[in-house]
């Protein structure tokens, strides 16, 4: 399930640094990102002082996680055999 966060500035401006860090941490809590990568990102977040930059990182991470999900779904659909979740008539 992809998370959806706004990537454009908010009406009242960019989020605070703590909100941007929390958003990025949420996005990075996705199977597309290995623990080592989350750790490195956490170190960068700790030193970052620009909420706009952290928000841009969150947008890029969100895009990457969506691409990962699309690729994973395509691989699963390409596997032979019955689907893992058959479409049941309602």
C-alpha atoms as a PDB file:
ATOM      1  CA  UNK A   1       0.000   0.000   0.000  1.00  0.00           C
ATOM      2  CA  UNK A   2       1.526   3.279  -1.060  1.00  0.00           C
ATOM      3  CA  UNK A   3       1.351   6.224   1.272  1.00  0.00           C
ATOM      4  CA  UNK A   4       0.229   9.496  -0.194  1.00  0.00           C
ATOM      5  CA  UNK A   5       1.757  12.688   1.094  1.00  0.00           C
ATOM      6  CA  UNK A   6       1.565  16.095  -0.503  1.00  0.00           C
ATOM      7  CA  UNK A   7       4.746  16.943  -2.380  1.00  0.00           C
ATOM      8  CA  UNK A   8       3.895  20.597  -3.029  1.00  0.00           C
ATOM      9  CA  UNK A   9       4.096  23.330  -0.427  1.00  0.00           C
ATOM     10  CA  UNK A  10       1.189  23.518   1.954  1.00  0.00           C
ATOM     11  CA  UNK A  11      -1.138  26.488   1.812  1.00  0.00           C
ATOM     12  CA  UNK A  12       0.450  28.008   4.906  1.00  0.00           C
ATOM     13  CA  UNK A  13       3.985  27.140   3.706  1.00  0.00           C
ATOM     14  CA  UNK A  14       6.284  24.164   4.059  1.00  0.00           C
ATOM     15  CA  UNK A  15       5.912  21.860   7.060  1.00  0.00           C
ATOM     16  CA  UNK A  16       8.108  22.339  10.079  1.00  0.00           C
ATOM     17  CA  UNK A  17      11.403  20.480  10.215  1.00  0.00           C
ATOM     18  CA  UNK A  18      10.054  17.994  12.756  1.00  0.00           C
ATOM     19  CA  UNK A  19       6.955  17.333  10.617  1.00  0.00           C
ATOM     20  CA  UNK A  20       9.099  16.867   7.498  1.00  0.00           C
ATOM     21  CA  UNK A  21      11.384  14.452   9.382  1.00  0.00           C
ATOM     22  CA  UNK A  22       8.390  12.490  10.660  1.00  0.00           C
ATOM     23  CA  UNK A  23       6.948  12.275   7.143  1.00  0.00           C
ATOM     24  CA  UNK A  24      10.244  11.023   5.724  1.00  0.00           C
ATOM     25  CA  UNK A  25      10.601   8.476   8.532  1.00  0.00           C
ATOM     26  CA  UNK A  26       7.094   7.192   7.755  1.00  0.00           C
ATOM     27  CA  UNK A  27       7.849   6.875   4.049  1.00  0.00           C
ATOM     28  CA  UNK A  28      11.138   5.084   4.740  1.00  0.00           C
ATOM     29  CA  UNK A  29       9.307   2.522   6.871  1.00  0.00           C
ATOM     30  CA  UNK A  30       8.548   0.563   3.713  1.00  0.00           C
ATOM     31  CA  UNK A  31       9.975  -2.757   2.503  1.00  0.00           C
ATOM     32  CA  UNK A  32      11.555  -0.984  -0.469  1.00  0.00           C
ATOM     33  CA  UNK A  33      14.153   0.442   1.905  1.00  0.00           C
ATOM     34  CA  UNK A  34      16.672  -1.787   3.665  1.00  0.00           C
ATOM     35  CA  UNK A  35      17.437  -1.210   7.332  1.00  0.00           C
ATOM     36  CA  UNK A  36      20.913   0.080   6.467  1.00  0.00           C
ATOM     37  CA  UNK A  37      19.440   2.664   4.113  1.00  0.00           C
ATOM     38  CA  UNK A  38      16.889   3.767   6.731  1.00  0.00           C
ATOM     39  CA  UNK A  39      19.742   4.144   9.214  1.00  0.00           C
ATOM     40  CA  UNK A  40      21.773   6.313   6.808  1.00  0.00           C
ATOM     41  CA  UNK A  41      18.693   8.397   6.045  1.00  0.00           C
ATOM     42  CA  UNK A  42      18.132   8.845   9.770  1.00  0.00           C
ATOM     43  CA  UNK A  43      21.658  10.195  10.128  1.00  0.00           C
ATOM     44  CA  UNK A  44      21.057  12.647   7.267  1.00  0.00           C
ATOM     45  CA  UNK A  45      17.722  13.705   8.737  1.00  0.00           C
ATOM     46  CA  UNK A  46      19.408  14.382  12.069  1.00  0.00           C
ATOM     47  CA  UNK A  47      21.826  16.818  10.487  1.00  0.00           C
ATOM     48  CA  UNK A  48      19.408  18.431   8.023  1.00  0.00           C
ATOM     49  CA  UNK A  49      18.161  21.887   8.958  1.00  0.00           C
ATOM     50  CA  UNK A  50      16.050  22.722   5.892  1.00  0.00           C
ATOM     51  CA  UNK A  51      12.462  21.435   6.086  1.00  0.00           C
ATOM     52  CA  UNK A  52      12.023  21.978   2.331  1.00  0.00           C
ATOM     53  CA  UNK A  53      14.947  19.676   1.572  1.00  0.00           C
ATOM     54  CA  UNK A  54      13.658  16.996   3.933  1.00  0.00           C
ATOM     55  CA  UNK A  55      10.216  17.285   2.310  1.00  0.00           C
ATOM     56  CA  UNK A  56      11.793  16.840  -1.116  1.00  0.00           C
ATOM     57  CA  UNK A  57      13.611  13.729   0.159  1.00  0.00           C
ATOM     58  CA  UNK A  58      10.269  12.385   1.407  1.00  0.00           C
ATOM     59  CA  UNK A  59       8.693  12.984  -2.003  1.00  0.00           C
ATOM     60  CA  UNK A  60      11.569  11.188  -3.744  1.00  0.00           C
ATOM     61  CA  UNK A  61      11.397   8.292  -1.283  1.00  0.00           C
ATOM     62  CA  UNK A  62       7.651   8.033  -1.789  1.00  0.00           C
ATOM     63  CA  UNK A  63       8.125   7.910  -5.556  1.00  0.00           C
ATOM     64  CA  UNK A  64      10.784   5.205  -5.163  1.00  0.00           C
ATOM     65  CA  UNK A  65       8.557   3.096  -2.897  1.00  0.00           C
ATOM     66  CA  UNK A  66       5.724   3.351  -5.439  1.00  0.00           C
ATOM     67  CA  UNK A  67       8.060   2.217  -8.222  1.00  0.00           C
ATOM     68  CA  UNK A  68       9.186  -0.695  -6.033  1.00  0.00           C
ATOM     69  CA  UNK A  69       5.566  -1.708  -5.460  1.00  0.00           C
ATOM     70  CA  UNK A  70       4.789  -1.498  -9.176  1.00  0.00           C
ATOM     71  CA  UNK A  71       7.818  -3.672 -10.018  1.00  0.00           C
ATOM     72  CA  UNK A  72       6.955  -6.192  -7.293  1.00  0.00           C
ATOM     73  CA  UNK A  73       3.356  -6.435  -8.503  1.00  0.00           C
ATOM     74  CA  UNK A  74       4.515  -6.908 -12.101  1.00  0.00           C
ATOM     75  CA  UNK A  75       6.859  -9.738 -11.019  1.00  0.00           C
ATOM     76  CA  UNK A  76       4.080 -11.416  -9.057  1.00  0.00           C
ATOM     77  CA  UNK A  77       1.630 -11.119 -11.948  1.00  0.00           C
ATOM     78  CA  UNK A  78       4.199 -12.622 -14.333  1.00  0.00           C
ATOM     79  CA  UNK A  79       4.591 -15.778 -12.234  1.00  0.00           C
ATOM     80  CA  UNK A  80       2.882 -18.839 -13.700  1.00  0.00           C
ATOM     81  CA  UNK A  81       0.041 -20.537 -11.900  1.00  0.00           C
ATOM     82  CA  UNK A  82      -3.152 -19.361 -10.286  1.00  0.00           C
ATOM     83  CA  UNK A  83      -3.223 -15.849  -8.859  1.00  0.00           C
ATOM     84  CA  UNK A  84      -2.453 -15.483  -5.180  1.00  0.00           C
ATOM     85  CA  UNK A  85      -5.684 -13.519  -4.729  1.00  0.00           C
ATOM     86  CA  UNK A  86      -8.286 -14.727  -7.224  1.00  0.00           C
ATOM     87  CA  UNK A  87     -11.029 -12.365  -8.245  1.00  0.00           C
ATOM     88  CA  UNK A  88     -14.154 -13.721  -6.591  1.00  0.00           C
ATOM     89  CA  UNK A  89     -17.547 -12.766  -8.012  1.00  0.00           C
ATOM     90  CA  UNK A  90     -19.579 -10.726  -5.574  1.00  0.00           C
END
